[in-house]
């Protein structure tokens, strides 16, 4: 989040929320679509 993306001159997302309930389970796809995310890193637990 902090170092790696910026070392490579990528835009990094600081997300203050949960995979669900903020407001629903569609929030992940909303973030990806709205901010044109090329690559996402997450945990199996979130999926």
ModelCIF file with pLDDT and N, C-alpha, C, O atoms, coordinates in Angstrom:
data_MODEL
#
_entry.id   MODEL 
#
_entity.id                         1 
_entity.type                       polymer 
_entity.pdbx_number_of_molecules   1 
#
_entity_poly.entity_id                      1 
_entity_poly.type                           'polypeptide(L)' 
_entity_poly.nstd_linkage                   no 
_entity_poly.nstd_monomer                   no 
_entity_poly.pdbx_seq_one_letter_code       
;(UNK)(UNK)(UNK)(UNK)(UNK)(UNK)(UNK)(UNK)(UNK)(UNK)(UNK)(UNK)(UNK)(UNK)(UNK)(UNK)
(UNK)(UNK)(UNK)(UNK)(UNK)(UNK)(UNK)(UNK)(UNK)(UNK)(UNK)(UNK)(UNK)(UNK)(UNK)(UNK)
(UNK)(UNK)(UNK)(UNK)(UNK)(UNK)(UNK)(UNK)(UNK)(UNK)(UNK)(UNK)(UNK)(UNK)(UNK)
;
_entity_poly.pdbx_seq_one_letter_code_can   XXXXXXXXXXXXXXXXXXXXXXXXXXXXXXXXXXXXXXXXXXXXXXX 
_entity_poly.pdbx_strand_id                 A 
#
loop_
_entity_poly_seq.entity_id 
_entity_poly_seq.num 
_entity_poly_seq.mon_id 
_entity_poly_seq.hetero 
1 1  UNK n 
1 2  UNK n 
1 3  UNK n 
1 4  UNK n 
1 5  UNK n 
1 6  UNK n 
1 7  UNK n 
1 8  UNK n 
1 9  UNK n 
1 10 UNK n 
1 11 UNK n 
1 12 UNK n 
1 13 UNK n 
1 14 UNK n 
1 15 UNK n 
1 16 UNK n 
1 17 UNK n 
1 18 UNK n 
1 19 UNK n 
1 20 UNK n 
1 21 UNK n 
1 22 UNK n 
1 23 UNK n 
1 24 UNK n 
1 25 UNK n 
1 26 UNK n 
1 27 UNK n 
1 28 UNK n 
1 29 UNK n 
1 30 UNK n 
1 31 UNK n 
1 32 UNK n 
1 33 UNK n 
1 34 UNK n 
1 35 UNK n 
1 36 UNK n 
1 37 UNK n 
1 38 UNK n 
1 39 UNK n 
1 40 UNK n 
1 41 UNK n 
1 42 UNK n 
1 43 UNK n 
1 44 UNK n 
1 45 UNK n 
1 46 UNK n 
1 47 UNK n 
#
_struct_asym.id          A 
_struct_asym.entity_id   1 
#
loop_
_ma_qa_metric.id 
_ma_qa_metric.mode 
_ma_qa_metric.name 
_ma_qa_metric.software_group_id 
_ma_qa_metric.type 
1 global pLDDT . pLDDT 
2 local  pLDDT . pLDDT 
#
_ma_qa_metric_global.metric_id      1 
_ma_qa_metric_global.metric_value   96.45 
_ma_qa_metric_global.model_id       1 
_ma_qa_metric_global.ordinal_id     1 
#
loop_
_ma_qa_metric_local.label_asym_id 
_ma_qa_metric_local.label_comp_id 
_ma_qa_metric_local.label_seq_id 
_ma_qa_metric_local.metric_id 
_ma_qa_metric_local.metric_value 
_ma_qa_metric_local.model_id 
_ma_qa_metric_local.ordinal_id 
A UNK 1  2 98.00 1 1  
A UNK 2  2 98.00 1 2  
A UNK 3  2 98.00 1 3  
A UNK 4  2 98.00 1 4  
A UNK 5  2 98.00 1 5  
A UNK 6  2 98.00 1 6  
A UNK 7  2 98.00 1 7  
A UNK 8  2 98.00 1 8  
A UNK 9  2 98.00 1 9  
A UNK 10 2 98.00 1 10 
A UNK 11 2 98.00 1 11 
A UNK 12 2 98.00 1 12 
A UNK 13 2 98.00 1 13 
A UNK 14 2 98.00 1 14 
A UNK 15 2 98.00 1 15 
A UNK 16 2 97.00 1 16 
A UNK 17 2 95.00 1 17 
A UNK 18 2 94.00 1 18 
A UNK 19 2 94.00 1 19 
A UNK 20 2 94.00 1 20 
A UNK 21 2 94.00 1 21 
A UNK 22 2 94.00 1 22 
A UNK 23 2 94.00 1 23 
A UNK 24 2 95.00 1 24 
A UNK 25 2 95.00 1 25 
A UNK 26 2 95.00 1 26 
A UNK 27 2 95.00 1 27 
A UNK 28 2 95.00 1 28 
A UNK 29 2 95.00 1 29 
A UNK 30 2 97.00 1 30 
A UNK 31 2 98.00 1 31 
A UNK 32 2 98.00 1 32 
A UNK 33 2 98.00 1 33 
A UNK 34 2 98.00 1 34 
A UNK 35 2 98.00 1 35 
A UNK 36 2 98.00 1 36 
A UNK 37 2 98.00 1 37 
A UNK 38 2 98.00 1 38 
A UNK 39 2 98.00 1 39 
A UNK 40 2 97.00 1 40 
A UNK 41 2 96.00 1 41 
A UNK 42 2 95.00 1 42 
A UNK 43 2 92.00 1 43 
A UNK 44 2 95.00 1 44 
A UNK 45 2 94.00 1 45 
A UNK 46 2 94.00 1 46 
A UNK 47 2 95.00 1 47 
#
loop_
_atom_site.group_PDB 
_atom_site.id 
_atom_site.type_symbol 
_atom_site.label_atom_id 
_atom_site.label_alt_id 
_atom_site.label_comp_id 
_atom_site.label_asym_id 
_atom_site.label_entity_id 
_atom_site.label_seq_id 
_atom_site.pdbx_PDB_ins_code 
_atom_site.Cartn_x 
_atom_site.Cartn_y 
_atom_site.Cartn_z 
_atom_site.occupancy 
_atom_site.B_iso_or_equiv 
_atom_site.pdbx_formal_charge 
_atom_site.auth_seq_id 
_atom_site.auth_comp_id 
_atom_site.auth_asym_id 
_atom_site.auth_atom_id 
_atom_site.pdbx_PDB_model_num 
ATOM 1   N N  . UNK A 1 1  ? 0.853   -1.187  0.000   1.00 98.00 ? 1  UNK A N  1 
ATOM 2   C CA . UNK A 1 1  ? 0.000   0.000   0.000   1.00 98.00 ? 1  UNK A CA 1 
ATOM 3   C C  . UNK A 1 1  ? 0.891   1.241   0.000   1.00 98.00 ? 1  UNK A C  1 
ATOM 4   O O  . UNK A 1 1  ? 0.690   2.153   -0.802  1.00 98.00 ? 1  UNK A O  1 
ATOM 5   N N  . UNK A 1 2  ? 1.871   1.273   0.895   1.00 98.00 ? 2  UNK A N  1 
ATOM 6   C CA . UNK A 1 2  ? 2.668   2.486   1.089   1.00 98.00 ? 2  UNK A CA 1 
ATOM 7   C C  . UNK A 1 2  ? 3.877   2.561   0.161   1.00 98.00 ? 2  UNK A C  1 
ATOM 8   O O  . UNK A 1 2  ? 4.014   3.532   -0.583  1.00 98.00 ? 2  UNK A O  1 
ATOM 9   N N  . UNK A 1 3  ? 4.756   1.558   0.186   1.00 98.00 ? 3  UNK A N  1 
ATOM 10  C CA . UNK A 1 3  ? 6.053   1.702   -0.485  1.00 98.00 ? 3  UNK A CA 1 
ATOM 11  C C  . UNK A 1 3  ? 6.114   1.139   -1.908  1.00 98.00 ? 3  UNK A C  1 
ATOM 12  O O  . UNK A 1 3  ? 6.421   1.876   -2.845  1.00 98.00 ? 3  UNK A O  1 
ATOM 13  N N  . UNK A 1 4  ? 5.829   -0.146  -2.082  1.00 98.00 ? 4  UNK A N  1 
ATOM 14  C CA . UNK A 1 4  ? 6.048   -0.810  -3.369  1.00 98.00 ? 4  UNK A CA 1 
ATOM 15  C C  . UNK A 1 4  ? 5.428   -0.109  -4.564  1.00 98.00 ? 4  UNK A C  1 
ATOM 16  O O  . UNK A 1 4  ? 6.128   0.158   -5.541  1.00 98.00 ? 4  UNK A O  1 
ATOM 17  N N  . UNK A 1 5  ? 4.118   0.201   -4.519  1.00 98.00 ? 5  UNK A N  1 
ATOM 18  C CA . UNK A 1 5  ? 3.512   0.860   -5.674  1.00 98.00 ? 5  UNK A CA 1 
ATOM 19  C C  . UNK A 1 5  ? 4.172   2.196   -6.013  1.00 98.00 ? 5  UNK A C  1 
ATOM 20  O O  . UNK A 1 5  ? 4.362   2.521   -7.185  1.00 98.00 ? 5  UNK A O  1 
ATOM 21  N N  . UNK A 1 6  ? 4.518   2.964   -4.984  1.00 98.00 ? 6  UNK A N  1 
ATOM 22  C CA . UNK A 1 6  ? 5.128   4.267   -5.244  1.00 98.00 ? 6  UNK A CA 1 
ATOM 23  C C  . UNK A 1 6  ? 6.554   4.134   -5.774  1.00 98.00 ? 6  UNK A C  1 
ATOM 24  O O  . UNK A 1 6  ? 6.983   4.946   -6.594  1.00 98.00 ? 6  UNK A O  1 
ATOM 25  N N  . UNK A 1 7  ? 7.290   3.126   -5.318  1.00 98.00 ? 7  UNK A N  1 
ATOM 26  C CA . UNK A 1 7  ? 8.616   2.896   -5.892  1.00 98.00 ? 7  UNK A CA 1 
ATOM 27  C C  . UNK A 1 7  ? 8.524   2.695   -7.406  1.00 98.00 ? 7  UNK A C  1 
ATOM 28  O O  . UNK A 1 7  ? 9.421   3.089   -8.151  1.00 98.00 ? 7  UNK A O  1 
ATOM 29  N N  . UNK A 1 8  ? 7.426   2.078   -7.848  1.00 98.00 ? 8  UNK A N  1 
ATOM 30  C CA . UNK A 1 8  ? 7.246   1.766   -9.274  1.00 98.00 ? 8  UNK A CA 1 
ATOM 31  C C  . UNK A 1 8  ? 6.385   2.817   -9.990  1.00 98.00 ? 8  UNK A C  1 
ATOM 32  O O  . UNK A 1 8  ? 5.955   2.610   -11.125 1.00 98.00 ? 8  UNK A O  1 
ATOM 33  N N  . UNK A 1 9  ? 6.144   3.931   -9.318  1.00 98.00 ? 9  UNK A N  1 
ATOM 34  C CA . UNK A 1 9  ? 5.285   5.004   -9.846  1.00 98.00 ? 9  UNK A CA 1 
ATOM 35  C C  . UNK A 1 9  ? 3.904   4.484   -10.238 1.00 98.00 ? 9  UNK A C  1 
ATOM 36  O O  . UNK A 1 9  ? 3.384   4.809   -11.306 1.00 98.00 ? 9  UNK A O  1 
ATOM 37  N N  . UNK A 1 10 ? 3.328   3.686   -9.371  1.00 98.00 ? 10 UNK A N  1 
ATOM 38  C CA . UNK A 1 10 ? 1.939   3.276   -9.522  1.00 98.00 ? 10 UNK A CA 1 
ATOM 39  C C  . UNK A 1 10 ? 1.064   4.108   -8.591  1.00 98.00 ? 10 UNK A C  1 
ATOM 40  O O  . UNK A 1 10 ? 1.548   4.661   -7.604  1.00 98.00 ? 10 UNK A O  1 
ATOM 41  N N  . UNK A 1 11 ? -0.213  4.193   -8.907  1.00 98.00 ? 11 UNK A N  1 
ATOM 42  C CA . UNK A 1 11 ? -1.193  4.793   -8.006  1.00 98.00 ? 11 UNK A CA 1 
ATOM 43  C C  . UNK A 1 11 ? -1.658  3.711   -7.041  1.00 98.00 ? 11 UNK A C  1 
ATOM 44  O O  . UNK A 1 11 ? -2.049  2.623   -7.464  1.00 98.00 ? 11 UNK A O  1 
ATOM 45  N N  . UNK A 1 12 ? -1.617  4.006   -5.752  1.00 98.00 ? 12 UNK A N  1 
ATOM 46  C CA . UNK A 1 12 ? -1.989  3.029   -4.725  1.00 98.00 ? 12 UNK A CA 1 
ATOM 47  C C  . UNK A 1 12 ? -3.268  3.466   -4.025  1.00 98.00 ? 12 UNK A C  1 
ATOM 48  O O  . UNK A 1 12 ? -3.488  4.655   -3.796  1.00 98.00 ? 12 UNK A O  1 
ATOM 49  N N  . UNK A 1 13 ? -4.110  2.493   -3.687  1.00 98.00 ? 13 UNK A N  1 
ATOM 50  C CA . UNK A 1 13 ? -5.383  2.801   -3.025  1.00 98.00 ? 13 UNK A CA 1 
ATOM 51  C C  . UNK A 1 13 ? -5.278  2.559   -1.521  1.00 98.00 ? 13 UNK A C  1 
ATOM 52  O O  . UNK A 1 13 ? -4.876  1.484   -1.076  1.00 98.00 ? 13 UNK A O  1 
ATOM 53  N N  . UNK A 1 14 ? -5.647  3.584   -0.748  1.00 98.00 ? 14 UNK A N  1 
ATOM 54  C CA . UNK A 1 14 ? -5.780  3.463   0.707   1.00 98.00 ? 14 UNK A CA 1 
ATOM 55  C C  . UNK A 1 14 ? -7.277  3.342   0.979   1.00 98.00 ? 14 UNK A C  1 
ATOM 56  O O  . UNK A 1 14 ? -8.026  4.310   0.846   1.00 98.00 ? 14 UNK A O  1 
ATOM 57  N N  . UNK A 1 15 ? -7.694  2.149   1.357   1.00 98.00 ? 15 UNK A N  1 
ATOM 58  C CA . UNK A 1 15 ? -9.131  1.857   1.482   1.00 98.00 ? 15 UNK A CA 1 
ATOM 59  C C  . UNK A 1 15 ? -9.513  1.697   2.947   1.00 98.00 ? 15 UNK A C  1 
ATOM 60  O O  . UNK A 1 15 ? -8.985  0.828   3.640   1.00 98.00 ? 15 UNK A O  1 
ATOM 61  N N  . UNK A 1 16 ? -10.424 2.530   3.413   1.00 97.00 ? 16 UNK A N  1 
ATOM 62  C CA . UNK A 1 16 ? -10.913 2.451   4.792   1.00 97.00 ? 16 UNK A CA 1 
ATOM 63  C C  . UNK A 1 16 ? -12.313 1.850   4.774   1.00 97.00 ? 16 UNK A C  1 
ATOM 64  O O  . UNK A 1 16 ? -13.316 2.561   4.721   1.00 97.00 ? 16 UNK A O  1 
ATOM 65  N N  . UNK A 1 17 ? -12.351 0.529   4.820   1.00 95.00 ? 17 UNK A N  1 
ATOM 66  C CA . UNK A 1 17 ? -13.633 -0.161  4.758   1.00 95.00 ? 17 UNK A CA 1 
ATOM 67  C C  . UNK A 1 17 ? -13.423 -1.661  4.870   1.00 95.00 ? 17 UNK A C  1 
ATOM 68  O O  . UNK A 1 17 ? -12.309 -2.123  5.117   1.00 95.00 ? 17 UNK A O  1 
ATOM 69  N N  . UNK A 1 18 ? -14.477 -2.405  4.690   1.00 94.00 ? 18 UNK A N  1 
ATOM 70  C CA . UNK A 1 18 ? -14.442 -3.862  4.783   1.00 94.00 ? 18 UNK A CA 1 
ATOM 71  C C  . UNK A 1 18 ? -14.833 -4.467  3.431   1.00 94.00 ? 18 UNK A C  1 
ATOM 72  O O  . UNK A 1 18 ? -15.393 -3.770  2.584   1.00 94.00 ? 18 UNK A O  1 
ATOM 73  N N  . UNK A 1 19 ? -14.545 -5.756  3.222   1.00 94.00 ? 19 UNK A N  1 
ATOM 74  C CA . UNK A 1 19 ? -14.960 -6.400  1.964   1.00 94.00 ? 19 UNK A CA 1 
ATOM 75  C C  . UNK A 1 19 ? -16.478 -6.491  1.818   1.00 94.00 ? 19 UNK A C  1 
ATOM 76  O O  . UNK A 1 19 ? -17.002 -6.586  0.709   1.00 94.00 ? 19 UNK A O  1 
ATOM 77  N N  . UNK A 1 20 ? -17.173 -6.460  2.953   1.00 94.00 ? 20 UNK A N  1 
ATOM 78  C CA . UNK A 1 20 ? -18.643 -6.515  2.956   1.00 94.00 ? 20 UNK A CA 1 
ATOM 79  C C  . UNK A 1 20 ? -19.161 -5.430  3.910   1.00 94.00 ? 20 UNK A C  1 
ATOM 80  O O  . UNK A 1 20 ? -18.395 -4.892  4.709   1.00 94.00 ? 20 UNK A O  1 
ATOM 81  N N  . UNK A 1 21 ? -20.430 -5.114  3.831   1.00 94.00 ? 21 UNK A N  1 
ATOM 82  C CA . UNK A 1 21 ? -21.113 -4.192  4.753   1.00 94.00 ? 21 UNK A CA 1 
ATOM 83  C C  . UNK A 1 21 ? -20.686 -2.731  4.619   1.00 94.00 ? 21 UNK A C  1 
ATOM 84  O O  . UNK A 1 21 ? -21.099 -1.903  5.430   1.00 94.00 ? 21 UNK A O  1 
ATOM 85  N N  . UNK A 1 22 ? -19.868 -2.390  3.615   1.00 94.00 ? 22 UNK A N  1 
ATOM 86  C CA . UNK A 1 22 ? -19.531 -0.974  3.439   1.00 94.00 ? 22 UNK A CA 1 
ATOM 87  C C  . UNK A 1 22 ? -19.789 -0.526  1.994   1.00 94.00 ? 22 UNK A C  1 
ATOM 88  O O  . UNK A 1 22 ? -18.832 -0.145  1.319   1.00 94.00 ? 22 UNK A O  1 
ATOM 89  N N  . UNK A 1 23 ? -21.009 -0.550  1.489   1.00 94.00 ? 23 UNK A N  1 
ATOM 90  C CA . UNK A 1 23 ? -22.239 -0.922  2.211   1.00 94.00 ? 23 UNK A CA 1 
ATOM 91  C C  . UNK A 1 23 ? -22.641 -2.383  2.022   1.00 94.00 ? 23 UNK A C  1 
ATOM 92  O O  . UNK A 1 23 ? -23.492 -2.890  2.753   1.00 94.00 ? 23 UNK A O  1 
ATOM 93  N N  . UNK A 1 24 ? -22.032 -3.068  1.041   1.00 95.00 ? 24 UNK A N  1 
ATOM 94  C CA . UNK A 1 24 ? -22.440 -4.445  0.757   1.00 95.00 ? 24 UNK A CA 1 
ATOM 95  C C  . UNK A 1 24 ? -21.276 -5.185  0.110   1.00 95.00 ? 24 UNK A C  1 
ATOM 96  O O  . UNK A 1 24 ? -20.171 -4.653  -0.002  1.00 95.00 ? 24 UNK A O  1 
ATOM 97  N N  . UNK A 1 25 ? -21.541 -6.425  -0.314  1.00 95.00 ? 25 UNK A N  1 
ATOM 98  C CA . UNK A 1 25 ? -20.476 -7.262  -0.877  1.00 95.00 ? 25 UNK A CA 1 
ATOM 99  C C  . UNK A 1 25 ? -20.039 -6.824  -2.268  1.00 95.00 ? 25 UNK A C  1 
ATOM 100 O O  . UNK A 1 25 ? -19.115 -7.402  -2.840  1.00 95.00 ? 25 UNK A O  1 
ATOM 101 N N  . UNK A 1 26 ? -20.699 -5.802  -2.817  1.00 95.00 ? 26 UNK A N  1 
ATOM 102 C CA . UNK A 1 26 ? -20.303 -5.278  -4.126  1.00 95.00 ? 26 UNK A CA 1 
ATOM 103 C C  . UNK A 1 26 ? -19.261 -4.181  -4.050  1.00 95.00 ? 26 UNK A C  1 
ATOM 104 O O  . UNK A 1 26 ? -18.823 -3.666  -5.078  1.00 95.00 ? 26 UNK A O  1 
ATOM 105 N N  . UNK A 1 27 ? -18.853 -3.812  -2.816  1.00 95.00 ? 27 UNK A N  1 
ATOM 106 C CA . UNK A 1 27 ? -17.941 -2.666  -2.665  1.00 95.00 ? 27 UNK A CA 1 
ATOM 107 C C  . UNK A 1 27 ? -16.593 -2.893  -3.349  1.00 95.00 ? 27 UNK A C  1 
ATOM 108 O O  . UNK A 1 27 ? -16.002 -1.961  -3.895  1.00 95.00 ? 27 UNK A O  1 
ATOM 109 N N  . UNK A 1 28 ? -16.109 -4.138  -3.316  1.00 95.00 ? 28 UNK A N  1 
ATOM 110 C CA . UNK A 1 28 ? -14.819 -4.440  -3.965  1.00 95.00 ? 28 UNK A CA 1 
ATOM 111 C C  . UNK A 1 28 ? -14.869 -4.131  -5.448  1.00 95.00 ? 28 UNK A C  1 
ATOM 112 O O  . UNK A 1 28 ? -13.950 -3.524  -5.998  1.00 95.00 ? 28 UNK A O  1 
ATOM 113 N N  . UNK A 1 29 ? -15.953 -4.553  -6.095  1.00 95.00 ? 29 UNK A N  1 
ATOM 114 C CA . UNK A 1 29 ? -16.052 -4.352  -7.546  1.00 95.00 ? 29 UNK A CA 1 
ATOM 115 C C  . UNK A 1 29 ? -16.291 -2.880  -7.867  1.00 95.00 ? 29 UNK A C  1 
ATOM 116 O O  . UNK A 1 29 ? -15.866 -2.387  -8.913  1.00 95.00 ? 29 UNK A O  1 
ATOM 117 N N  . UNK A 1 30 ? -16.979 -2.178  -6.955  1.00 97.00 ? 30 UNK A N  1 
ATOM 118 C CA . UNK A 1 30 ? -17.159 -0.732  -7.119  1.00 97.00 ? 30 UNK A CA 1 
ATOM 119 C C  . UNK A 1 30 ? -15.809 -0.012  -7.128  1.00 97.00 ? 30 UNK A C  1 
ATOM 120 O O  . UNK A 1 30 ? -15.559 0.841   -7.980  1.00 97.00 ? 30 UNK A O  1 
ATOM 121 N N  . UNK A 1 31 ? -14.944 -0.362  -6.176  1.00 98.00 ? 31 UNK A N  1 
ATOM 122 C CA . UNK A 1 31 ? -13.614 0.271   -6.086  1.00 98.00 ? 31 UNK A CA 1 
ATOM 123 C C  . UNK A 1 31 ? -12.796 -0.027  -7.338  1.00 98.00 ? 31 UNK A C  1 
ATOM 124 O O  . UNK A 1 31 ? -12.167 0.867   -7.904  1.00 98.00 ? 31 UNK A O  1 
ATOM 125 N N  . UNK A 1 32 ? -12.809 -1.294  -7.768  1.00 98.00 ? 32 UNK A N  1 
ATOM 126 C CA . UNK A 1 32 ? -12.045 -1.696  -8.952  1.00 98.00 ? 32 UNK A CA 1 
ATOM 127 C C  . UNK A 1 32 ? -12.506 -0.917  -10.181 1.00 98.00 ? 32 UNK A C  1 
ATOM 128 O O  . UNK A 1 32 ? -11.691 -0.413  -10.954 1.00 98.00 ? 32 UNK A O  1 
ATOM 129 N N  . UNK A 1 33 ? -13.821 -0.827  -10.350 1.00 98.00 ? 33 UNK A N  1 
ATOM 130 C CA . UNK A 1 33 ? -14.366 -0.158  -11.531 1.00 98.00 ? 33 UNK A CA 1 
ATOM 131 C C  . UNK A 1 33 ? -14.159 1.358   -11.458 1.00 98.00 ? 33 UNK A C  1 
ATOM 132 O O  . UNK A 1 33 ? -13.723 1.979   -12.427 1.00 98.00 ? 33 UNK A O  1 
ATOM 133 N N  . UNK A 1 34 ? -14.471 1.941   -10.311 1.00 98.00 ? 34 UNK A N  1 
ATOM 134 C CA . UNK A 1 34 ? -14.424 3.397   -10.194 1.00 98.00 ? 34 UNK A CA 1 
ATOM 135 C C  . UNK A 1 34 ? -13.002 3.941   -10.346 1.00 98.00 ? 34 UNK A C  1 
ATOM 136 O O  . UNK A 1 34 ? -12.798 4.995   -10.947 1.00 98.00 ? 34 UNK A O  1 
ATOM 137 N N  . UNK A 1 35 ? -12.024 3.220   -9.800  1.00 98.00 ? 35 UNK A N  1 
ATOM 138 C CA . UNK A 1 35 ? -10.646 3.729   -9.798  1.00 98.00 ? 35 UNK A CA 1 
ATOM 139 C C  . UNK A 1 35 ? -9.760  3.067   -10.853 1.00 98.00 ? 35 UNK A C  1 
ATOM 140 O O  . UNK A 1 35 ? -8.547  3.276   -10.870 1.00 98.00 ? 35 UNK A O  1 
ATOM 141 N N  . UNK A 1 36 ? -10.367 2.273   -11.730 1.00 98.00 ? 36 UNK A N  1 
ATOM 142 C CA . UNK A 1 36 ? -9.639  1.647   -12.849 1.00 98.00 ? 36 UNK A CA 1 
ATOM 143 C C  . UNK A 1 36 ? -8.438  0.835   -12.347 1.00 98.00 ? 36 UNK A C  1 
ATOM 144 O O  . UNK A 1 36 ? -7.315  1.007   -12.820 1.00 98.00 ? 36 UNK A O  1 
ATOM 145 N N  . UNK A 1 37 ? -8.695  -0.037  -11.395 1.00 98.00 ? 37 UNK A N  1 
ATOM 146 C CA . UNK A 1 37 ? -7.635  -0.859  -10.799 1.00 98.00 ? 37 UNK A CA 1 
ATOM 147 C C  . UNK A 1 37 ? -7.137  -1.883  -11.822 1.00 98.00 ? 37 UNK A C  1 
ATOM 148 O O  . UNK A 1 37 ? -7.928  -2.631  -12.395 1.00 98.00 ? 37 UNK A O  1 
ATOM 149 N N  . UNK A 1 38 ? -5.825  -1.910  -12.045 1.00 98.00 ? 38 UNK A N  1 
ATOM 150 C CA . UNK A 1 38 ? -5.226  -2.884  -12.973 1.00 98.00 ? 38 UNK A CA 1 
ATOM 151 C C  . UNK A 1 38 ? -4.954  -4.218  -12.282 1.00 98.00 ? 38 UNK A C  1 
ATOM 152 O O  . UNK A 1 38 ? -5.188  -5.287  -12.846 1.00 98.00 ? 38 UNK A O  1 
ATOM 153 N N  . UNK A 1 39 ? -4.454  -4.131  -11.049 1.00 98.00 ? 39 UNK A N  1 
ATOM 154 C CA . UNK A 1 39 ? -4.086  -5.340  -10.305 1.00 98.00 ? 39 UNK A CA 1 
ATOM 155 C C  . UNK A 1 39 ? -4.536  -5.176  -8.863  1.00 98.00 ? 39 UNK A C  1 
ATOM 156 O O  . UNK A 1 39 ? -4.381  -4.110  -8.267  1.00 98.00 ? 39 UNK A O  1 
ATOM 157 N N  . UNK A 1 40 ? -5.099  -6.256  -8.307  1.00 97.00 ? 40 UNK A N  1 
ATOM 158 C CA . UNK A 1 40 ? -5.542  -6.236  -6.910  1.00 97.00 ? 40 UNK A CA 1 
ATOM 159 C C  . UNK A 1 40 ? -4.849  -7.349  -6.141  1.00 97.00 ? 40 UNK A C  1 
ATOM 160 O O  . UNK A 1 40 ? -4.651  -8.450  -6.654  1.00 97.00 ? 40 UNK A O  1 
ATOM 161 N N  . UNK A 1 41 ? -4.485  -7.042  -4.904  1.00 96.00 ? 41 UNK A N  1 
ATOM 162 C CA . UNK A 1 41 ? -3.867  -8.018  -3.998  1.00 96.00 ? 41 UNK A CA 1 
ATOM 163 C C  . UNK A 1 41 ? -4.822  -8.139  -2.814  1.00 96.00 ? 41 UNK A C  1 
ATOM 164 O O  . UNK A 1 41 ? -5.134  -7.139  -2.168  1.00 96.00 ? 41 UNK A O  1 
ATOM 165 N N  . UNK A 1 42 ? -5.288  -9.352  -2.524  1.00 95.00 ? 42 UNK A N  1 
ATOM 166 C CA . UNK A 1 42 ? -6.155  -9.528  -1.358  1.00 95.00 ? 42 UNK A CA 1 
ATOM 167 C C  . UNK A 1 42 ? -5.948  -10.908 -0.759  1.00 95.00 ? 42 UNK A C  1 
ATOM 168 O O  . UNK A 1 42 ? -5.147  -11.700 -1.255  1.00 95.00 ? 42 UNK A O  1 
ATOM 169 N N  . UNK A 1 43 ? -6.667  -11.184 0.298   1.00 92.00 ? 43 UNK A N  1 
ATOM 170 C CA . UNK A 1 43 ? -6.551  -12.471 0.994   1.00 92.00 ? 43 UNK A CA 1 
ATOM 171 C C  . UNK A 1 43 ? -7.735  -13.372 0.633   1.00 92.00 ? 43 UNK A C  1 
ATOM 172 O O  . UNK A 1 43 ? -8.832  -12.875 0.376   1.00 92.00 ? 43 UNK A O  1 
ATOM 173 N N  . UNK A 1 44 ? -7.524  -14.684 0.613   1.00 95.00 ? 44 UNK A N  1 
ATOM 174 C CA . UNK A 1 44 ? -8.636  -15.604 0.363   1.00 95.00 ? 44 UNK A CA 1 
ATOM 175 C C  . UNK A 1 44 ? -9.810  -15.389 1.308   1.00 95.00 ? 44 UNK A C  1 
ATOM 176 O O  . UNK A 1 44 ? -10.964 -15.589 0.929   1.00 95.00 ? 44 UNK A O  1 
ATOM 177 N N  . UNK A 1 45 ? -9.510  -14.978 2.553   1.00 94.00 ? 45 UNK A N  1 
ATOM 178 C CA . UNK A 1 45 ? -10.573 -14.739 3.536   1.00 94.00 ? 45 UNK A CA 1 
ATOM 179 C C  . UNK A 1 45 ? -11.556 -13.692 3.036   1.00 94.00 ? 45 UNK A C  1 
ATOM 180 O O  . UNK A 1 45 ? -12.765 -13.828 3.220   1.00 94.00 ? 45 UNK A O  1 
ATOM 181 N N  . UNK A 1 46 ? -11.031 -12.641 2.401   1.00 94.00 ? 46 UNK A N  1 
ATOM 182 C CA . UNK A 1 46 ? -11.904 -11.572 1.893   1.00 94.00 ? 46 UNK A CA 1 
ATOM 183 C C  . UNK A 1 46 ? -12.808 -12.094 0.784   1.00 94.00 ? 46 UNK A C  1 
ATOM 184 O O  . UNK A 1 46 ? -14.002 -11.798 0.748   1.00 94.00 ? 46 UNK A O  1 
ATOM 185 N N  . UNK A 1 47 ? -12.222 -12.873 -0.120  1.00 95.00 ? 47 UNK A N  1 
ATOM 186 C CA . UNK A 1 47 ? -13.005 -13.429 -1.231  1.00 95.00 ? 47 UNK A CA 1 
ATOM 187 C C  . UNK A 1 47 ? -14.095 -14.362 -0.692  1.00 95.00 ? 47 UNK A C  1 
ATOM 188 O O  . UNK A 1 47 ? -14.862 -14.930 -1.469  1.00 95.00 ? 47 UNK A O  1 
#
